[in-house]
Amino acid sequence: MITKGTDLSAGRVAGLAACLSGILMQRANYDQRFYPGMPEMPLLVVLLIVVALCALIGAVNGSVIAFLKVPPFIATLGMQTLVYGACLVYTGAIPIGGLRSDYTGLATGYVGTRMLSNLTIIAIFIGLFMWFLYNKTRYGKYMYAIGGNENAAEVAGINVNRSKILIYMLAGALYGLTGFLVCAKSGGCSQGWELEAIAGCTIGGVSVNGGVGTIPGILIGVLVFEVLKIVLQFLGVESSYTYIAQGLVIIIAVALDLRKYLAKK
């Protein structure tokens, strides 16, 4: 979003990663194993396979956007449908069970005296890594420059096409990590995660006009959005109304952002 792009394939790519992770992390003695004769694979190997595949999907997204000049909204919408169809064909739309205990324990376990879960530690590490990437490397500076003014960034010597491909590759790799962890935690992925990502970013101060946004702001936005959903659940609000709340949050956040942008002009 900082580069004025919107990735609508996020949820489906994470779902594909979850399905592939679940298939590769099934117990060897599970009766309905997807690949009966395949030996059990190490956690790290499966993670690398899943992340590499999703990074490749991200590279395709970035290439279509950079070289074919397809708007990000359209390119990633097409990839969303393509990935969903491929996932259904690959899995046959059958449930995937029999996950290994070392895999599920990765997402449900705790560090030390049960003060912090493994997922919390991973989230903190990813947040710190992304903060460093955005603020201390050329990659991050290029991202903000492209979002602020793509033509000016190109004139300044930035390889805009290469930067866009790297941006979407990194996004795809993170979707892969997400799917890997979510499958270990709950056995599957939820639909509409791309909308939740957009909502979290807009609440966190990422401008739809590009060039504005911070990692701490995004993390706070995601936290606020998740707290909103939890509060609605505790209040006994029907889950269907959660989507209405999400839509309203996105509309209000974008409207406020546009008002600030127009006021500055």
Protein backbone atom coordinates (compact mmCIF):
# COMPACT_ATOMS: atom_id res chain seq x y z
CA MET A 1 0.00 0.00 0.00
CA ILE A 2 2.94 2.35 0.58
CA THR A 3 3.73 1.99 -3.14
CA LYS A 4 0.06 2.68 -4.05
CA GLY A 5 -0.54 -1.02 -4.60
CA THR A 6 -3.18 -3.34 -3.16
CA ASP A 7 -2.52 -7.09 -2.95
CA LEU A 8 -5.85 -8.91 -3.03
CA SER A 9 -4.19 -12.33 -3.35
CA ALA A 10 -2.88 -12.33 0.24
CA GLY A 11 -5.58 -14.52 1.80
CA ARG A 12 -5.62 -17.11 -0.98
CA VAL A 13 -1.82 -17.39 -1.13
CA ALA A 14 -1.74 -17.88 2.65
CA GLY A 15 -4.46 -20.51 2.22
CA LEU A 16 -2.40 -22.34 -0.39
CA ALA A 17 0.59 -22.22 1.97
CA ALA A 18 -1.55 -23.66 4.76
CA CYS A 19 -2.79 -26.52 2.57
CA LEU A 20 0.69 -27.38 1.33
CA SER A 21 2.12 -27.17 4.87
CA GLY A 22 -0.60 -29.44 6.22
CA ILE A 23 -0.01 -32.01 3.47
CA LEU A 24 3.75 -32.10 3.99
CA MET A 25 3.50 -32.17 7.80
CA GLN A 26 1.12 -35.13 8.14
CA ARG A 27 2.15 -38.04 10.37
CA ALA A 28 3.69 -41.03 8.61
CA ASN A 29 1.16 -43.39 10.28
CA TYR A 30 -1.91 -41.31 9.40
CA ASP A 31 -4.42 -43.51 7.52
CA GLN A 32 -5.63 -40.80 5.11
CA ARG A 33 -2.24 -39.30 4.37
CA PHE A 34 -2.12 -37.28 1.13
CA TYR A 35 1.21 -38.86 0.07
CA PRO A 36 1.26 -42.30 1.76
CA GLY A 37 4.80 -43.29 0.80
CA MET A 38 6.52 -40.00 1.46
CA PRO A 39 8.86 -39.89 4.49
CA GLU A 40 8.36 -37.23 7.15
CA MET A 41 10.17 -33.99 6.32
CA PRO A 42 11.92 -31.61 8.76
CA LEU A 43 9.99 -28.51 9.81
CA LEU A 44 12.55 -26.12 8.36
CA VAL A 45 12.57 -27.85 4.97
CA VAL A 46 8.78 -27.64 4.67
CA LEU A 47 8.84 -23.99 5.74
CA LEU A 48 11.46 -23.16 3.09
CA ILE A 49 9.46 -24.97 0.39
CA VAL A 50 6.26 -23.13 1.28
CA VAL A 51 7.94 -19.72 1.57
CA ALA A 52 9.80 -20.21 -1.73
CA LEU A 53 6.59 -21.17 -3.57
CA CYS A 54 4.70 -18.17 -2.22
CA ALA A 55 7.63 -15.86 -2.99
CA LEU A 56 7.49 -17.15 -6.58
CA ILE A 57 3.78 -16.28 -6.74
CA GLY A 58 4.66 -12.84 -5.42
CA ALA A 59 7.32 -12.49 -8.12
CA VAL A 60 4.69 -13.26 -10.77
CA ASN A 61 2.43 -10.59 -9.27
CA GLY A 62 5.26 -8.07 -9.27
CA SER A 63 6.31 -8.91 -12.83
CA VAL A 64 2.78 -8.51 -14.19
CA ILE A 65 2.44 -5.17 -12.40
CA ALA A 66 5.94 -3.90 -13.31
CA PHE A 67 6.35 -5.04 -16.93
CA LEU A 68 2.78 -5.43 -18.22
CA LYS A 69 1.63 -2.29 -16.36
CA VAL A 70 -1.48 -4.04 -15.06
CA PRO A 71 -2.94 -2.14 -12.07
CA PRO A 72 -2.10 -3.96 -8.81
CA PHE A 73 -5.79 -4.28 -7.93
CA ILE A 74 -6.55 -6.19 -11.15
CA ALA A 75 -3.34 -8.25 -11.25
CA THR A 76 -3.69 -9.51 -7.68
CA LEU A 77 -7.44 -10.06 -8.06
CA GLY A 78 -6.70 -12.39 -10.97
CA MET A 79 -3.97 -14.13 -8.96
CA GLN A 80 -6.38 -14.52 -6.03
CA THR A 81 -8.84 -16.46 -8.18
CA LEU A 82 -6.08 -18.42 -9.92
CA VAL A 83 -4.45 -19.53 -6.66
CA TYR A 84 -7.80 -20.48 -5.13
CA GLY A 85 -8.67 -22.64 -8.13
CA ALA A 86 -5.23 -24.27 -8.16
CA CYS A 87 -5.53 -25.02 -4.45
CA LEU A 88 -8.93 -26.68 -4.94
CA VAL A 89 -7.62 -28.76 -7.83
CA TYR A 90 -4.49 -29.81 -5.92
CA THR A 91 -6.21 -30.78 -2.67
CA GLY A 92 -9.47 -32.01 -4.18
CA ALA A 93 -11.22 -29.84 -1.56
CA ILE A 94 -10.78 -32.60 1.05
CA PRO A 95 -9.96 -31.97 4.73
CA ILE A 96 -6.30 -32.33 5.69
CA GLY A 97 -5.70 -33.93 9.09
CA GLY A 98 -3.15 -35.97 11.00
CA LEU A 99 -0.69 -33.12 11.60
CA ARG A 100 2.49 -33.96 13.47
CA SER A 101 2.78 -32.87 17.11
CA ASP A 102 6.09 -31.06 16.58
CA TYR A 103 4.37 -28.95 13.91
CA THR A 104 1.26 -28.06 15.91
CA GLY A 105 3.41 -27.48 18.99
CA LEU A 106 5.26 -24.74 17.09
CA ALA A 107 2.12 -22.60 17.04
CA THR A 108 0.58 -23.62 20.35
CA GLY A 109 3.73 -23.74 22.48
CA TYR A 110 5.12 -21.12 24.87
CA VAL A 111 8.56 -19.78 25.71
CA GLY A 112 9.86 -20.11 29.26
CA THR A 113 7.21 -19.65 31.96
CA ARG A 114 4.28 -19.39 29.50
CA MET A 115 4.49 -15.60 29.48
CA LEU A 116 4.93 -15.38 25.71
CA SER A 117 3.73 -17.81 23.07
CA ASN A 118 5.89 -18.93 20.18
CA LEU A 119 3.64 -17.01 17.79
CA THR A 120 4.15 -13.81 19.79
CA ILE A 121 7.93 -14.21 19.62
CA ILE A 122 7.75 -14.81 15.86
CA ALA A 123 5.49 -11.77 15.40
CA ILE A 124 7.89 -9.54 17.37
CA PHE A 125 10.86 -10.81 15.35
CA ILE A 126 9.08 -10.20 12.04
CA GLY A 127 8.02 -6.72 13.21
CA LEU A 128 11.60 -5.81 14.14
CA PHE A 129 12.94 -7.23 10.88
CA MET A 130 10.45 -5.24 8.81
CA TRP A 131 11.16 -2.06 10.79
CA PHE A 132 14.86 -2.44 10.03
CA LEU A 133 14.12 -3.18 6.38
CA TYR A 134 11.84 -0.15 5.97
CA ASN A 135 14.01 2.35 7.83
CA LYS A 136 17.63 1.26 7.50
CA THR A 137 17.97 -0.20 4.00
CA ARG A 138 17.75 1.00 0.41
CA TYR A 139 14.82 -1.37 -0.10
CA GLY A 140 12.69 0.61 2.33
CA LYS A 141 13.78 3.99 1.00
CA TYR A 142 12.97 2.91 -2.55
CA MET A 143 9.53 1.75 -1.43
CA TYR A 144 8.65 5.14 0.03
CA ALA A 145 10.12 6.92 -2.99
CA ILE A 146 8.04 4.87 -5.44
CA GLY A 147 4.90 5.47 -3.42
CA GLY A 148 5.57 9.19 -3.15
CA ASN A 149 6.28 9.77 -6.86
CA GLU A 150 7.10 6.88 -9.14
CA ASN A 151 8.32 9.05 -12.02
CA ALA A 152 10.61 11.05 -9.75
CA ALA A 153 11.97 7.82 -8.25
CA GLU A 154 12.80 6.50 -11.72
CA VAL A 155 14.50 9.77 -12.70
CA ALA A 156 16.53 9.58 -9.47
CA GLY A 157 18.01 6.28 -10.64
CA ILE A 158 15.82 3.78 -8.80
CA ASN A 159 15.09 0.57 -10.72
CA VAL A 160 11.33 0.79 -10.18
CA ASN A 161 10.44 -2.48 -11.90
CA ARG A 162 13.02 -4.47 -9.94
CA SER A 163 11.90 -2.83 -6.69
CA LYS A 164 8.25 -3.69 -7.33
CA ILE A 165 9.09 -7.33 -7.99
CA LEU A 166 11.11 -7.53 -4.76
CA ILE A 167 8.25 -5.89 -2.85
CA TYR A 168 5.70 -8.45 -4.01
CA MET A 169 8.17 -11.31 -3.55
CA LEU A 170 8.69 -10.34 0.08
CA ALA A 171 4.94 -10.05 0.54
CA GLY A 172 4.47 -13.53 -0.92
CA ALA A 173 7.16 -14.98 1.36
CA LEU A 174 5.40 -13.50 4.40
CA TYR A 175 2.07 -14.94 3.21
CA GLY A 176 3.80 -18.31 3.07
CA LEU A 177 5.06 -17.97 6.64
CA THR A 178 1.57 -16.93 7.73
CA GLY A 179 -0.08 -19.94 6.13
CA PHE A 180 2.53 -22.28 7.61
CA LEU A 181 1.87 -20.98 11.15
CA VAL A 182 -1.90 -20.71 10.85
CA CYS A 183 -2.21 -24.29 9.65
CA ALA A 184 -0.18 -25.41 12.67
CA LYS A 185 -2.47 -23.43 14.97
CA SER A 186 -5.95 -24.02 13.58
CA GLY A 187 -5.59 -26.33 10.59
CA GLY A 188 -6.65 -23.79 7.96
CA CYS A 189 -6.96 -20.18 6.83
CA SER A 190 -9.83 -17.74 6.87
CA GLN A 191 -11.31 -16.01 3.84
CA GLY A 192 -11.07 -12.26 3.48
CA TRP A 193 -7.68 -11.85 5.13
CA GLU A 194 -6.65 -9.37 2.45
CA LEU A 195 -9.45 -7.08 3.63
CA GLU A 196 -8.30 -7.41 7.24
CA ALA A 197 -4.77 -6.53 6.14
CA ILE A 198 -6.03 -3.42 4.35
CA ALA A 199 -8.08 -2.44 7.39
CA GLY A 200 -5.11 -2.91 9.74
CA CYS A 201 -2.88 -0.80 7.50
CA THR A 202 -5.38 2.03 7.08
CA ILE A 203 -6.07 2.15 10.83
CA GLY A 204 -2.30 2.18 11.38
CA GLY A 205 -1.80 5.29 9.24
CA VAL A 206 -0.75 3.87 5.86
CA SER A 207 -1.95 6.29 3.20
CA VAL A 208 -3.78 4.96 0.15
CA ASN A 209 -2.04 7.75 -1.77
CA GLY A 210 1.31 6.07 -1.17
CA GLY A 211 4.58 7.08 0.43
CA VAL A 212 3.27 7.23 4.01
CA GLY A 213 3.24 4.52 6.68
CA THR A 214 5.30 3.01 9.49
CA ILE A 215 5.76 -0.50 10.87
CA PRO A 216 4.82 0.50 14.47
CA GLY A 217 1.67 2.14 13.12
CA ILE A 218 0.74 -0.97 11.15
CA LEU A 219 1.28 -3.22 14.17
CA ILE A 220 -0.94 -0.95 16.29
CA GLY A 221 -3.56 -0.92 13.54
CA VAL A 222 -3.60 -4.73 13.38
CA LEU A 223 -3.86 -4.92 17.17
CA VAL A 224 -6.76 -2.44 17.24
CA PHE A 225 -8.56 -4.34 14.49
CA GLU A 226 -8.14 -7.68 16.27
CA VAL A 227 -9.32 -6.18 19.56
CA LEU A 228 -12.41 -4.88 17.73
CA LYS A 229 -13.26 -8.38 16.54
CA ILE A 230 -12.67 -9.88 19.99
CA VAL A 231 -14.87 -7.23 21.63
CA LEU A 232 -17.68 -7.97 19.17
CA GLN A 233 -17.42 -11.66 20.02
CA PHE A 234 -17.54 -10.99 23.78
CA LEU A 235 -20.57 -8.75 23.28
CA GLY A 236 -22.34 -11.68 21.63
CA VAL A 237 -22.61 -9.98 18.24
CA GLU A 238 -23.34 -12.45 15.45
CA SER A 239 -20.20 -13.23 13.45
CA SER A 240 -21.85 -12.13 10.20
CA TYR A 241 -21.95 -8.55 11.50
CA THR A 242 -18.15 -8.60 11.86
CA TYR A 243 -17.85 -8.17 8.11
CA ILE A 244 -20.07 -5.09 8.28
CA ALA A 245 -17.80 -3.65 10.98
CA GLN A 246 -14.72 -4.41 8.87
CA GLY A 247 -16.21 -2.66 5.86
CA LEU A 248 -17.14 0.40 7.87
CA VAL A 249 -13.67 0.58 9.40
CA ILE A 250 -12.03 0.47 5.96
CA ILE A 251 -14.36 3.11 4.51
CA ILE A 252 -13.97 5.48 7.47
CA ALA A 253 -10.19 5.05 7.67
CA VAL A 254 -9.70 5.67 3.93
CA ALA A 255 -12.10 8.65 4.00
CA LEU A 256 -10.16 10.26 6.86
CA ASP A 257 -6.86 9.61 5.08
CA LEU A 258 -8.15 11.24 1.89
CA ARG A 259 -9.40 14.26 3.84
CA LYS A 260 -5.90 14.73 5.31
CA TYR A 261 -4.37 14.38 1.85
CA LEU A 262 -6.72 16.95 0.30
CA ALA A 263 -6.20 19.33 3.22
CA LYS A 264 -2.42 19.27 2.64
CA LYS A 265 -2.94 20.07 -1.06
